[in-house]
Amino acid sequence: MRREYYIGFGLVLAILAAFTITFAFAKVVEEKPVVVNSKEKSWSVNGTINAGEKFFLYIVPPTKWHTGVAAAPTDIYPYGYIDVFVEIVDPKGNTTRFVFTWARAVNPITGSTYIGAANVTVLQNGSLIDPGPIEVGAVGGCGGIASISGIYTARIYGIDPMIYYVDQKYSPPPTLELVKAEIIEKYPNTYMLWFGIPMLCLGLYLPIHPIIRKRQKQ
């Protein structure tokens, strides 16, 4: 085989090896929720958050939010809704406020109605970077990214409409959690090195193979 063919094949293999090795070192960043602090039957919870960390207030709703009175239905929320007013205060006393809407919906499988997190609206931003929804779904939270390090306090300061127990005492959620997103970096494709490195070695060897054979014959 002519030397040009060895060089061509070697170049192709080296290029493929370079792509394979690059793919092997591709980084995947995941966010793992970590509970900073949890409170039961409370309107507020606090915890230490570092600057740059993403965090949110996670609310486990009381039974009354599911079976109690919700606001009248609207075109957007045809089964009724509850507005939960949340504020997050940073270590310097600056406040960010949200309206955390919980809406009634119908389970398409069972046909039963339930109330879950539907929307987050920022009313005032004074303590967070990129405030807004962190998780919205059947269970959700609202928050943002901490601008400074220290103790952050998240609390519910209002609900519309007001929901009461039979004894007329205001009902706090069963659980409030301050949760932050722990960044996890993974390299799930490192197994590709088993293909990329031998391919690179072969790609580098092929161009010099004719020279080695020629010297061996002399």
N, C-alpha and C. Protein backbone atom coordinates (compact mmCIF):
# COMPACT_ATOMS: atom_id res chain seq x y z
N MET A 1 0.85 -1.20 0.00
CA MET A 1 0.00 0.00 0.00
C MET A 1 0.88 1.24 0.00
N ARG A 2 0.48 2.22 -0.79
CA ARG A 2 1.27 3.44 -0.89
C ARG A 2 1.23 4.23 0.41
N ARG A 3 2.31 4.96 0.61
CA ARG A 3 2.44 5.72 1.85
C ARG A 3 1.33 6.75 2.00
N GLU A 4 0.85 7.31 0.85
CA GLU A 4 -0.21 8.32 0.91
C GLU A 4 -1.48 7.76 1.54
N TYR A 5 -1.72 6.44 1.26
CA TYR A 5 -2.90 5.82 1.85
C TYR A 5 -2.77 5.70 3.37
N TYR A 6 -1.58 5.32 3.81
CA TYR A 6 -1.34 5.23 5.25
C TYR A 6 -1.54 6.59 5.92
N ILE A 7 -1.01 7.64 5.27
CA ILE A 7 -1.16 9.00 5.83
C ILE A 7 -2.63 9.40 5.87
N GLY A 8 -3.37 9.09 4.78
CA GLY A 8 -4.80 9.45 4.72
C GLY A 8 -5.61 8.73 5.78
N PHE A 9 -5.39 7.37 5.88
CA PHE A 9 -6.11 6.61 6.89
C PHE A 9 -5.73 7.08 8.29
N GLY A 10 -4.46 7.37 8.49
CA GLY A 10 -4.02 7.83 9.80
C GLY A 10 -4.65 9.15 10.18
N LEU A 11 -4.76 10.06 9.19
CA LEU A 11 -5.37 11.36 9.45
C LEU A 11 -6.84 11.21 9.81
N VAL A 12 -7.55 10.35 9.06
CA VAL A 12 -8.98 10.13 9.35
C VAL A 12 -9.16 9.56 10.75
N LEU A 13 -8.34 8.57 11.10
CA LEU A 13 -8.44 7.97 12.43
C LEU A 13 -8.11 8.98 13.53
N ALA A 14 -7.10 9.82 13.29
CA ALA A 14 -6.72 10.82 14.29
C ALA A 14 -7.85 11.83 14.51
N ILE A 15 -8.53 12.22 13.41
CA ILE A 15 -9.65 13.16 13.53
C ILE A 15 -10.80 12.51 14.30
N LEU A 16 -11.13 11.25 13.94
CA LEU A 16 -12.19 10.55 14.66
C LEU A 16 -11.84 10.37 16.13
N ALA A 17 -10.56 10.08 16.39
CA ALA A 17 -10.12 9.92 17.78
C ALA A 17 -10.26 11.22 18.55
N ALA A 18 -9.94 12.33 17.89
CA ALA A 18 -10.04 13.63 18.56
C ALA A 18 -11.48 13.92 18.95
N PHE A 19 -12.43 13.63 18.04
CA PHE A 19 -13.85 13.82 18.36
C PHE A 19 -14.29 12.88 19.49
N THR A 20 -13.82 11.64 19.44
CA THR A 20 -14.20 10.66 20.46
C THR A 20 -13.68 11.07 21.83
N ILE A 21 -12.44 11.50 21.90
CA ILE A 21 -11.84 11.91 23.17
C ILE A 21 -12.52 13.18 23.71
N THR A 22 -12.82 14.11 22.80
CA THR A 22 -13.54 15.32 23.21
C THR A 22 -14.90 14.96 23.79
N PHE A 23 -15.60 14.03 23.13
CA PHE A 23 -16.91 13.57 23.62
C PHE A 23 -16.77 12.89 24.97
N ALA A 24 -15.68 12.16 25.16
CA ALA A 24 -15.46 11.44 26.42
C ALA A 24 -15.31 12.41 27.59
N PHE A 25 -14.76 13.61 27.33
CA PHE A 25 -14.55 14.59 28.39
C PHE A 25 -15.68 15.61 28.47
N ALA A 26 -16.78 15.36 27.76
CA ALA A 26 -17.92 16.27 27.81
C ALA A 26 -18.53 16.26 29.21
N LYS A 27 -18.71 17.44 29.76
CA LYS A 27 -19.20 17.56 31.13
C LYS A 27 -20.72 17.75 31.15
N VAL A 28 -21.37 17.05 32.05
CA VAL A 28 -22.81 17.19 32.26
C VAL A 28 -23.03 17.76 33.66
N VAL A 29 -23.74 18.88 33.73
CA VAL A 29 -24.00 19.54 35.01
C VAL A 29 -25.43 19.24 35.45
N GLU A 30 -25.57 18.68 36.63
CA GLU A 30 -26.89 18.37 37.19
C GLU A 30 -27.09 19.14 38.49
N GLU A 31 -28.35 19.39 38.81
CA GLU A 31 -28.70 20.06 40.05
C GLU A 31 -29.42 19.08 40.97
N LYS A 32 -28.85 18.87 42.15
CA LYS A 32 -29.44 17.98 43.14
C LYS A 32 -30.03 18.81 44.27
N PRO A 33 -31.34 18.68 44.56
CA PRO A 33 -31.93 19.45 45.65
C PRO A 33 -31.43 18.99 47.01
N VAL A 34 -31.00 19.96 47.83
CA VAL A 34 -30.51 19.66 49.17
C VAL A 34 -31.30 20.52 50.17
N VAL A 35 -31.88 19.90 51.18
CA VAL A 35 -32.66 20.63 52.18
C VAL A 35 -31.72 21.35 53.14
N VAL A 36 -31.83 22.67 53.19
CA VAL A 36 -31.02 23.48 54.10
C VAL A 36 -31.65 23.49 55.48
N ASN A 37 -32.97 23.67 55.52
CA ASN A 37 -33.69 23.68 56.80
C ASN A 37 -35.15 23.36 56.53
N SER A 38 -35.81 22.77 57.51
CA SER A 38 -37.21 22.39 57.37
C SER A 38 -37.97 22.75 58.65
N LYS A 39 -39.19 23.27 58.47
CA LYS A 39 -40.03 23.62 59.61
C LYS A 39 -41.41 23.00 59.42
N GLU A 40 -42.00 22.49 60.51
CA GLU A 40 -43.34 21.93 60.46
C GLU A 40 -44.33 22.90 61.08
N LYS A 41 -45.49 23.03 60.41
CA LYS A 41 -46.57 23.89 60.88
C LYS A 41 -46.04 25.28 61.23
N SER A 42 -45.36 25.86 60.27
CA SER A 42 -44.76 27.18 60.47
C SER A 42 -44.98 28.02 59.23
N TRP A 43 -44.95 29.35 59.42
CA TRP A 43 -45.10 30.26 58.30
C TRP A 43 -43.75 30.69 57.72
N SER A 44 -42.65 30.35 58.40
CA SER A 44 -41.34 30.80 57.92
C SER A 44 -40.27 29.76 58.19
N VAL A 45 -39.20 29.85 57.42
CA VAL A 45 -38.05 28.98 57.59
C VAL A 45 -36.82 29.74 57.13
N ASN A 46 -35.68 29.51 57.79
CA ASN A 46 -34.47 30.21 57.38
C ASN A 46 -33.30 29.24 57.31
N GLY A 47 -32.22 29.69 56.67
CA GLY A 47 -31.03 28.86 56.54
C GLY A 47 -29.91 29.62 55.88
N THR A 48 -28.70 29.09 55.99
CA THR A 48 -27.52 29.74 55.42
C THR A 48 -27.36 29.36 53.95
N ILE A 49 -27.30 30.39 53.11
CA ILE A 49 -27.10 30.21 51.67
C ILE A 49 -25.87 31.01 51.25
N ASN A 50 -25.04 30.42 50.42
CA ASN A 50 -23.85 31.11 49.92
C ASN A 50 -24.16 31.88 48.64
N ALA A 51 -23.41 32.96 48.42
CA ALA A 51 -23.59 33.78 47.22
C ALA A 51 -23.42 32.91 45.98
N GLY A 52 -24.35 33.08 45.03
CA GLY A 52 -24.29 32.32 43.79
C GLY A 52 -25.06 31.01 43.81
N GLU A 53 -25.53 30.59 44.99
CA GLU A 53 -26.28 29.35 45.07
C GLU A 53 -27.75 29.58 44.72
N LYS A 54 -28.31 28.65 43.99
CA LYS A 54 -29.72 28.71 43.64
C LYS A 54 -30.52 28.02 44.75
N PHE A 55 -31.58 28.67 45.20
CA PHE A 55 -32.38 28.07 46.27
C PHE A 55 -33.84 28.49 46.12
N PHE A 56 -34.72 27.77 46.82
CA PHE A 56 -36.14 28.11 46.75
C PHE A 56 -36.86 27.65 48.00
N LEU A 57 -38.05 28.19 48.20
CA LEU A 57 -38.92 27.78 49.29
C LEU A 57 -39.85 26.69 48.76
N TYR A 58 -39.80 25.54 49.40
CA TYR A 58 -40.62 24.40 49.01
C TYR A 58 -41.78 24.30 50.00
N ILE A 59 -43.00 24.23 49.48
CA ILE A 59 -44.19 24.25 50.33
C ILE A 59 -44.96 22.94 50.20
N VAL A 60 -45.19 22.27 51.33
CA VAL A 60 -46.11 21.14 51.35
C VAL A 60 -47.46 21.70 51.79
N PRO A 61 -48.46 21.71 50.92
CA PRO A 61 -49.71 22.40 51.23
C PRO A 61 -50.56 21.67 52.25
N PRO A 62 -51.27 22.41 53.10
CA PRO A 62 -52.18 21.78 54.05
C PRO A 62 -53.40 21.22 53.33
N THR A 63 -54.11 20.35 54.02
CA THR A 63 -55.30 19.73 53.43
C THR A 63 -56.31 20.77 52.98
N LYS A 64 -56.41 21.86 53.73
CA LYS A 64 -57.39 22.89 53.39
C LYS A 64 -57.14 23.49 52.01
N TRP A 65 -55.89 23.47 51.55
CA TRP A 65 -55.60 24.00 50.22
C TRP A 65 -56.19 23.09 49.15
N HIS A 66 -56.36 21.82 49.48
CA HIS A 66 -56.90 20.86 48.53
C HIS A 66 -58.42 20.78 48.61
N THR A 67 -58.94 20.80 49.82
CA THR A 67 -60.38 20.57 50.00
C THR A 67 -61.14 21.81 50.45
N GLY A 68 -60.39 22.85 50.84
CA GLY A 68 -61.04 24.06 51.33
C GLY A 68 -61.51 24.96 50.21
N VAL A 69 -61.84 26.19 50.59
CA VAL A 69 -62.38 27.15 49.64
C VAL A 69 -61.24 27.78 48.84
N ALA A 70 -61.37 27.78 47.53
CA ALA A 70 -60.43 28.50 46.67
C ALA A 70 -61.17 29.68 46.05
N ALA A 71 -60.43 30.60 45.46
CA ALA A 71 -61.07 31.73 44.80
C ALA A 71 -61.93 31.24 43.65
N ALA A 72 -62.85 32.08 43.25
CA ALA A 72 -63.79 31.71 42.18
C ALA A 72 -63.03 31.39 40.89
N PRO A 73 -63.55 30.48 40.10
CA PRO A 73 -62.89 30.12 38.84
C PRO A 73 -62.74 31.32 37.90
N THR A 74 -61.71 31.27 37.09
CA THR A 74 -61.48 32.29 36.07
C THR A 74 -61.22 31.58 34.74
N ASP A 75 -61.06 32.37 33.67
CA ASP A 75 -60.76 31.77 32.37
C ASP A 75 -59.41 31.05 32.39
N ILE A 76 -58.45 31.62 33.15
CA ILE A 76 -57.12 31.02 33.22
C ILE A 76 -57.11 29.81 34.13
N TYR A 77 -57.79 29.94 35.29
CA TYR A 77 -57.88 28.83 36.24
C TYR A 77 -59.35 28.45 36.40
N PRO A 78 -59.85 27.61 35.50
CA PRO A 78 -61.30 27.33 35.46
C PRO A 78 -61.85 26.59 36.67
N TYR A 79 -60.98 26.02 37.51
CA TYR A 79 -61.47 25.27 38.67
C TYR A 79 -61.20 26.02 39.98
N GLY A 80 -60.77 27.29 39.88
CA GLY A 80 -60.48 28.07 41.07
C GLY A 80 -59.00 28.06 41.42
N TYR A 81 -58.59 28.98 42.26
CA TYR A 81 -57.17 29.10 42.59
C TYR A 81 -56.99 29.72 43.97
N ILE A 82 -55.76 29.61 44.50
CA ILE A 82 -55.35 30.22 45.76
C ILE A 82 -54.04 30.96 45.51
N ASP A 83 -53.97 32.22 45.89
CA ASP A 83 -52.73 32.98 45.79
C ASP A 83 -52.00 32.95 47.13
N VAL A 84 -50.75 32.46 47.09
CA VAL A 84 -49.92 32.40 48.30
C VAL A 84 -48.83 33.46 48.15
N PHE A 85 -48.76 34.38 49.10
CA PHE A 85 -47.79 35.48 49.03
C PHE A 85 -46.55 35.11 49.84
N VAL A 86 -45.42 35.07 49.16
CA VAL A 86 -44.17 34.62 49.75
C VAL A 86 -43.14 35.75 49.69
N GLU A 87 -42.34 35.89 50.75
CA GLU A 87 -41.23 36.83 50.71
C GLU A 87 -39.96 36.14 51.18
N ILE A 88 -38.85 36.53 50.56
CA ILE A 88 -37.53 36.03 50.94
C ILE A 88 -36.67 37.22 51.31
N VAL A 89 -36.11 37.20 52.52
CA VAL A 89 -35.33 38.32 53.05
C VAL A 89 -33.87 37.89 53.15
N ASP A 90 -32.97 38.70 52.59
CA ASP A 90 -31.55 38.36 52.61
C ASP A 90 -30.90 38.81 53.92
N PRO A 91 -29.61 38.52 54.13
CA PRO A 91 -28.95 38.87 55.40
C PRO A 91 -28.94 40.37 55.70
N LYS A 92 -29.07 41.19 54.68
CA LYS A 92 -29.07 42.65 54.90
C LYS A 92 -30.47 43.22 55.08
N GLY A 93 -31.48 42.37 55.02
CA GLY A 93 -32.85 42.84 55.21
C GLY A 93 -33.56 43.19 53.93
N ASN A 94 -32.93 43.01 52.78
CA ASN A 94 -33.59 43.27 51.51
C ASN A 94 -34.59 42.16 51.20
N THR A 95 -35.71 42.54 50.59
CA THR A 95 -36.81 41.60 50.44
C THR A 95 -37.20 41.39 48.98
N THR A 96 -37.45 40.14 48.62
CA THR A 96 -38.04 39.79 47.34
C THR A 96 -39.39 39.14 47.61
N ARG A 97 -40.42 39.58 46.89
CA ARG A 97 -41.77 39.08 47.14
C ARG A 97 -42.36 38.43 45.88
N PHE A 98 -43.12 37.37 46.14
CA PHE A 98 -43.74 36.60 45.06
C PHE A 98 -45.22 36.40 45.33
N VAL A 99 -45.99 36.19 44.26
CA VAL A 99 -47.31 35.59 44.37
C VAL A 99 -47.17 34.19 43.80
N PHE A 100 -47.40 33.22 44.66
CA PHE A 100 -47.24 31.82 44.30
C PHE A 100 -48.65 31.24 44.15
N THR A 101 -49.11 31.09 42.91
CA THR A 101 -50.49 30.67 42.65
C THR A 101 -50.62 29.16 42.65
N TRP A 102 -51.57 28.69 43.45
CA TRP A 102 -51.92 27.27 43.47
C TRP A 102 -53.31 27.15 42.85
N ALA A 103 -53.43 26.38 41.80
CA ALA A 103 -54.70 26.30 41.07
C ALA A 103 -55.29 24.91 41.13
N ARG A 104 -56.61 24.87 41.06
CA ARG A 104 -57.29 23.59 40.97
C ARG A 104 -57.20 23.08 39.54
N ALA A 105 -57.03 21.79 39.44
CA ALA A 105 -56.98 21.15 38.13
C ALA A 105 -57.65 19.79 38.24
N VAL A 106 -57.92 19.20 37.10
CA VAL A 106 -58.56 17.88 37.08
C VAL A 106 -57.54 16.85 36.61
N ASN A 107 -57.40 15.80 37.41
CA ASN A 107 -56.53 14.69 37.02
C ASN A 107 -57.17 13.97 35.84
N PRO A 108 -56.49 13.95 34.67
CA PRO A 108 -57.11 13.36 33.48
C PRO A 108 -57.34 11.84 33.60
N ILE A 109 -56.63 11.21 34.52
CA ILE A 109 -56.77 9.76 34.67
C ILE A 109 -57.91 9.40 35.62
N THR A 110 -57.89 10.05 36.81
CA THR A 110 -58.90 9.71 37.82
C THR A 110 -60.14 10.59 37.75
N GLY A 111 -59.99 11.79 37.14
CA GLY A 111 -61.11 12.70 37.08
C GLY A 111 -61.30 13.52 38.33
N SER A 112 -60.48 13.29 39.36
CA SER A 112 -60.59 14.03 40.62
C SER A 112 -59.88 15.37 40.50
N THR A 113 -60.29 16.34 41.32
CA THR A 113 -59.65 17.66 41.31
C THR A 113 -58.57 17.71 42.39
N TYR A 114 -57.55 18.50 42.12
CA TYR A 114 -56.47 18.69 43.08
C TYR A 114 -55.96 20.11 42.95
N ILE A 115 -55.17 20.57 43.91
CA ILE A 115 -54.57 21.90 43.85
C ILE A 115 -53.06 21.75 43.85
N GLY A 116 -52.40 22.36 42.89
CA GLY A 116 -50.95 22.29 42.79
C GLY A 116 -50.37 23.62 42.33
N ALA A 117 -49.05 23.75 42.42
CA ALA A 117 -48.38 24.98 42.01
C ALA A 117 -48.60 25.22 40.52
N ALA A 118 -49.06 26.42 40.16
CA ALA A 118 -49.39 26.70 38.77
C ALA A 118 -48.59 27.86 38.19
N ASN A 119 -48.24 28.85 39.01
CA ASN A 119 -47.57 30.02 38.47
C ASN A 119 -46.87 30.79 39.58
N VAL A 120 -45.78 31.47 39.23
CA VAL A 120 -45.07 32.35 40.16
C VAL A 120 -44.89 33.71 39.50
N THR A 121 -45.28 34.76 40.22
CA THR A 121 -45.11 36.13 39.74
C THR A 121 -44.25 36.90 40.74
N VAL A 122 -43.22 37.60 40.24
CA VAL A 122 -42.36 38.40 41.12
C VAL A 122 -43.00 39.77 41.33
N LEU A 123 -43.30 40.10 42.58
CA LEU A 123 -43.88 41.40 42.90
C LEU A 123 -42.82 42.45 43.18
N GLN A 124 -41.72 42.02 43.79
CA GLN A 124 -40.66 42.95 44.20
C GLN A 124 -39.36 42.18 44.29
N ASN A 125 -38.30 42.75 43.75
CA ASN A 125 -37.00 42.09 43.84
C ASN A 125 -36.01 42.98 44.57
N GLY A 126 -35.55 42.50 45.73
CA GLY A 126 -34.56 43.28 46.47
C GLY A 126 -33.45 42.43 47.05
N SER A 127 -33.54 41.09 46.83
CA SER A 127 -32.57 40.24 47.53
C SER A 127 -31.98 39.12 46.68
N LEU A 128 -32.53 38.89 45.48
CA LEU A 128 -32.11 37.72 44.71
C LEU A 128 -31.65 38.09 43.30
N ILE A 129 -30.86 37.20 42.72
CA ILE A 129 -30.48 37.30 41.32
C ILE A 129 -31.40 36.37 40.53
N ASP A 130 -31.94 36.84 39.42
CA ASP A 130 -32.86 36.04 38.60
C ASP A 130 -33.98 35.42 39.42
N PRO A 131 -34.77 36.23 40.12
CA PRO A 131 -35.86 35.64 40.92
C PRO A 131 -36.94 35.10 40.00
N GLY A 132 -37.66 34.11 40.49
CA GLY A 132 -38.74 33.55 39.70
C GLY A 132 -38.93 32.09 40.04
N PRO A 133 -39.62 31.37 39.17
CA PRO A 133 -39.91 29.96 39.46
C PRO A 133 -38.67 29.10 39.35
N ILE A 134 -38.44 28.29 40.38
CA ILE A 134 -37.38 27.29 40.33
C ILE A 134 -37.99 25.95 39.98
N GLU A 135 -39.08 25.62 40.63
CA GLU A 135 -39.82 24.41 40.30
C GLU A 135 -41.30 24.73 40.33
N VAL A 136 -41.99 24.38 39.26
CA VAL A 136 -43.43 24.57 39.22
C VAL A 136 -44.05 23.27 38.73
N GLY A 137 -45.01 22.77 39.47
CA GLY A 137 -45.63 21.52 39.09
C GLY A 137 -46.62 21.13 40.16
N ALA A 138 -46.88 19.84 40.31
CA ALA A 138 -47.80 19.38 41.36
C ALA A 138 -47.30 19.81 42.72
N VAL A 139 -45.95 19.77 42.89
CA VAL A 139 -45.34 20.36 44.08
C VAL A 139 -44.28 21.30 43.56
N GLY A 140 -44.14 22.45 44.16
CA GLY A 140 -43.19 23.40 43.59
C GLY A 140 -42.62 24.35 44.60
N GLY A 141 -41.78 25.24 44.13
CA GLY A 141 -41.16 26.23 44.98
C GLY A 141 -40.85 27.48 44.20
N CYS A 142 -40.56 28.57 44.91
CA CYS A 142 -40.16 29.79 44.24
C CYS A 142 -38.94 30.35 44.96
N GLY A 143 -38.08 31.01 44.23
CA GLY A 143 -36.86 31.54 44.81
C GLY A 143 -35.98 32.17 43.76
N GLY A 144 -34.69 31.95 43.83
CA GLY A 144 -33.76 32.55 42.89
C GLY A 144 -32.33 32.22 43.27
N ILE A 145 -31.41 33.10 42.91
CA ILE A 145 -29.99 32.92 43.20
C ILE A 145 -29.56 33.94 44.25
N ALA A 146 -28.87 33.47 45.27
CA ALA A 146 -28.43 34.35 46.36
C ALA A 146 -27.38 35.35 45.85
N SER A 147 -27.57 36.61 46.19
CA SER A 147 -26.62 37.65 45.78
C SER A 147 -25.47 37.80 46.78
N ILE A 148 -25.73 37.48 48.05
CA ILE A 148 -24.70 37.54 49.09
C ILE A 148 -24.82 36.30 49.97
N SER A 149 -23.78 36.01 50.73
CA SER A 149 -23.81 34.85 51.63
C SER A 149 -24.39 35.25 52.98
N GLY A 150 -25.05 34.31 53.63
CA GLY A 150 -25.60 34.58 54.95
C GLY A 150 -26.91 33.85 55.16
N ILE A 151 -27.66 34.27 56.17
CA ILE A 151 -28.92 33.63 56.51
C ILE A 151 -30.06 34.29 55.75
N TYR A 152 -30.79 33.48 54.99
CA TYR A 152 -31.97 33.94 54.26
C TYR A 152 -33.22 33.41 54.96
N THR A 153 -34.23 34.26 55.04
CA THR A 153 -35.50 33.87 55.65
C THR A 153 -36.59 33.89 54.59
N ALA A 154 -37.30 32.78 54.46
CA ALA A 154 -38.43 32.70 53.53
C ALA A 154 -39.70 32.49 54.35
N ARG A 155 -40.73 33.26 54.03
CA ARG A 155 -41.96 33.11 54.80
C ARG A 155 -43.18 33.40 53.94
N ILE A 156 -44.29 32.84 54.36
CA ILE A 156 -45.58 33.13 53.74
C ILE A 156 -46.22 34.27 54.54
N TYR A 157 -46.52 35.36 53.86
CA TYR A 157 -47.09 36.49 54.60
C TYR A 157 -48.55 36.78 54.23
N GLY A 158 -49.12 35.92 53.42
CA GLY A 158 -50.54 36.11 53.10
C GLY A 158 -51.06 35.03 52.17
N ILE A 159 -52.36 34.77 52.27
CA ILE A 159 -53.04 33.84 51.38
C ILE A 159 -54.37 34.46 50.99
N ASP A 160 -54.72 34.36 49.73
CA ASP A 160 -55.99 34.91 49.25
C ASP A 160 -56.70 33.83 48.42
N PRO A 161 -57.85 33.36 48.80
CA PRO A 161 -58.62 33.78 49.97
C PRO A 161 -58.07 33.17 51.26
N MET A 162 -58.44 33.75 52.40
CA MET A 162 -58.00 33.22 53.70
C MET A 162 -58.65 31.86 53.93
N ILE A 163 -57.85 30.90 54.40
CA ILE A 163 -58.37 29.55 54.64
C ILE A 163 -58.25 29.25 56.13
N TYR A 164 -59.34 28.76 56.72
CA TYR A 164 -59.37 28.53 58.17
C TYR A 164 -59.74 27.09 58.50
N TYR A 165 -59.33 26.67 59.70
CA TYR A 165 -59.83 25.43 60.24
C TYR A 165 -61.24 25.68 60.81
N VAL A 166 -61.88 24.61 61.32
CA VAL A 166 -63.21 24.76 61.90
C VAL A 166 -63.18 25.71 63.09
N ASP A 167 -62.07 25.66 63.87
CA ASP A 167 -61.99 26.53 65.05
C ASP A 167 -61.52 27.94 64.69
N GLN A 168 -61.46 28.22 63.36
CA GLN A 168 -61.14 29.55 62.84
C GLN A 168 -59.68 29.96 63.06
N LYS A 169 -58.84 29.02 63.47
CA LYS A 169 -57.42 29.35 63.58
C LYS A 169 -56.75 29.23 62.20
N TYR A 170 -55.94 30.18 61.88
CA TYR A 170 -55.27 30.20 60.58
C TYR A 170 -54.37 28.98 60.44
N SER A 171 -54.40 28.34 59.29
CA SER A 171 -53.74 27.05 59.11
C SER A 171 -52.42 27.18 58.35
N PRO A 172 -51.27 27.00 59.02
CA PRO A 172 -49.99 27.02 58.31
C PRO A 172 -49.77 25.71 57.57
N PRO A 173 -48.90 25.70 56.58
CA PRO A 173 -48.59 24.46 55.86
C PRO A 173 -47.96 23.44 56.80
N PRO A 174 -48.15 22.14 56.53
CA PRO A 174 -47.52 21.10 57.37
C PRO A 174 -46.00 21.21 57.35
N THR A 175 -45.43 21.56 56.19
CA THR A 175 -43.98 21.62 56.07
C THR A 175 -43.54 22.75 55.15
N LEU A 176 -42.56 23.52 55.62
CA LEU A 176 -41.85 24.48 54.77
C LEU A 176 -40.39 24.05 54.73
N GLU A 177 -39.81 24.04 53.53
CA GLU A 177 -38.41 23.66 53.40
C GLU A 177 -37.65 24.71 52.60
N LEU A 178 -36.48 25.06 53.09
CA LEU A 178 -35.57 25.89 52.32
C LEU A 178 -34.61 24.93 51.63
N VAL A 179 -34.67 24.91 50.31
CA VAL A 179 -33.93 23.93 49.53
C VAL A 179 -32.99 24.64 48.57
N LYS A 180 -31.75 24.17 48.48
CA LYS A 180 -30.81 24.74 47.51
C LYS A 180 -30.41 23.69 46.49
N ALA A 181 -29.98 24.15 45.34
CA ALA A 181 -29.57 23.25 44.27
C ALA A 181 -28.06 23.03 44.35
N GLU A 182 -27.68 21.81 44.65
CA GLU A 182 -26.26 21.46 44.70
C GLU A 182 -25.80 21.06 43.29
N ILE A 183 -24.77 21.74 42.81
CA ILE A 183 -24.29 21.49 41.45
C ILE A 183 -23.39 20.24 41.45
N ILE A 184 -23.73 19.30 40.60
CA ILE A 184 -22.95 18.06 40.46
C ILE A 184 -22.45 17.98 39.02
N GLU A 185 -21.13 17.87 38.87
CA GLU A 185 -20.53 17.74 37.55
C GLU A 185 -20.18 16.28 37.29
N LYS A 186 -20.64 15.77 36.16
CA LYS A 186 -20.40 14.38 35.81
C LYS A 186 -19.77 14.29 34.42
N TYR A 187 -19.02 13.22 34.23
CA TYR A 187 -18.44 12.91 32.92
C TYR A 187 -18.91 11.50 32.54
N PRO A 188 -20.13 11.38 32.04
CA PRO A 188 -20.71 10.06 31.81
C PRO A 188 -20.15 9.31 30.60
N ASN A 189 -19.34 9.99 29.77
CA ASN A 189 -18.89 9.35 28.53
C ASN A 189 -17.41 8.97 28.56
N THR A 190 -16.83 8.88 29.76
CA THR A 190 -15.39 8.58 29.84
C THR A 190 -15.05 7.20 29.27
N TYR A 191 -16.05 6.32 29.20
CA TYR A 191 -15.80 4.99 28.62
C TYR A 191 -15.34 5.08 27.16
N MET A 192 -15.65 6.23 26.50
CA MET A 192 -15.24 6.41 25.10
C MET A 192 -13.73 6.53 24.95
N LEU A 193 -13.03 6.77 26.07
CA LEU A 193 -11.57 6.82 26.01
C LEU A 193 -10.99 5.46 25.59
N TRP A 194 -11.70 4.37 25.92
CA TRP A 194 -11.25 3.04 25.54
C TRP A 194 -11.21 2.88 24.02
N PHE A 195 -12.01 3.69 23.33
CA PHE A 195 -12.01 3.67 21.86
C PHE A 195 -11.13 4.78 21.30
N GLY A 196 -11.20 5.95 21.95
CA GLY A 196 -10.51 7.11 21.41
C GLY A 196 -8.99 7.02 21.48
N ILE A 197 -8.45 6.55 22.60
CA ILE A 197 -6.99 6.51 22.76
C ILE A 197 -6.34 5.49 21.81
N PRO A 198 -6.85 4.24 21.74
CA PRO A 198 -6.26 3.31 20.76
C PRO A 198 -6.38 3.81 19.33
N MET A 199 -7.52 4.45 19.02
CA MET A 199 -7.72 4.98 17.67
C MET A 199 -6.72 6.08 17.37
N LEU A 200 -6.43 6.94 18.37
CA LEU A 200 -5.45 8.00 18.19
C LEU A 200 -4.05 7.43 17.99
N CYS A 201 -3.72 6.41 18.79
CA CYS A 201 -2.40 5.78 18.65
C CYS A 201 -2.23 5.17 17.26
N LEU A 202 -3.29 4.50 16.80
CA LEU A 202 -3.23 3.90 15.46
C LEU A 202 -3.13 4.97 14.38
N GLY A 203 -3.89 6.07 14.57
CA GLY A 203 -3.85 7.16 13.60
C GLY A 203 -2.49 7.83 13.51
N LEU A 204 -1.79 7.90 14.65
CA LEU A 204 -0.45 8.47 14.65
C LEU A 204 0.59 7.49 14.12
N TYR A 205 0.29 6.20 14.30
CA TYR A 205 1.28 5.19 13.87
C TYR A 205 1.26 4.95 12.35
N LEU A 206 0.06 4.97 11.74
CA LEU A 206 -0.05 4.63 10.33
C LEU A 206 0.86 5.46 9.41
N PRO A 207 0.97 6.79 9.58
CA PRO A 207 1.83 7.56 8.67
C PRO A 207 3.30 7.16 8.74
N ILE A 208 3.75 6.66 9.90
CA ILE A 208 5.17 6.31 10.01
C ILE A 208 5.40 4.82 9.78
N HIS A 209 4.30 4.06 9.61
CA HIS A 209 4.45 2.62 9.39
C HIS A 209 5.30 2.29 8.16
N PRO A 210 5.09 2.93 7.02
CA PRO A 210 5.92 2.62 5.85
C PRO A 210 7.41 2.88 6.09
N ILE A 211 7.69 3.93 6.85
CA ILE A 211 9.11 4.25 7.13
C ILE A 211 9.72 3.15 7.99
N ILE A 212 8.97 2.67 8.97
CA ILE A 212 9.50 1.62 9.85
C ILE A 212 9.73 0.33 9.05
N ARG A 213 8.80 -0.02 8.17
CA ARG A 213 8.95 -1.23 7.38
C ARG A 213 10.14 -1.11 6.41
N LYS A 214 10.32 0.08 5.88
CA LYS A 214 11.43 0.29 4.94
C LYS A 214 12.77 0.11 5.65
N ARG A 215 12.87 0.63 6.85
CA ARG A 215 14.11 0.50 7.63
C ARG A 215 14.36 -0.96 8.03
N GLN A 216 13.25 -1.69 8.31
CA GLN A 216 13.42 -3.08 8.70
C GLN A 216 13.92 -3.95 7.56
N LYS A 217 13.59 -3.56 6.33
CA LYS A 217 14.01 -4.32 5.16
C LYS A 217 15.46 -4.05 4.79
N GLN A 218 15.96 -2.90 5.21
CA GLN A 218 17.35 -2.55 4.85
C GLN A 218 18.36 -3.37 5.65
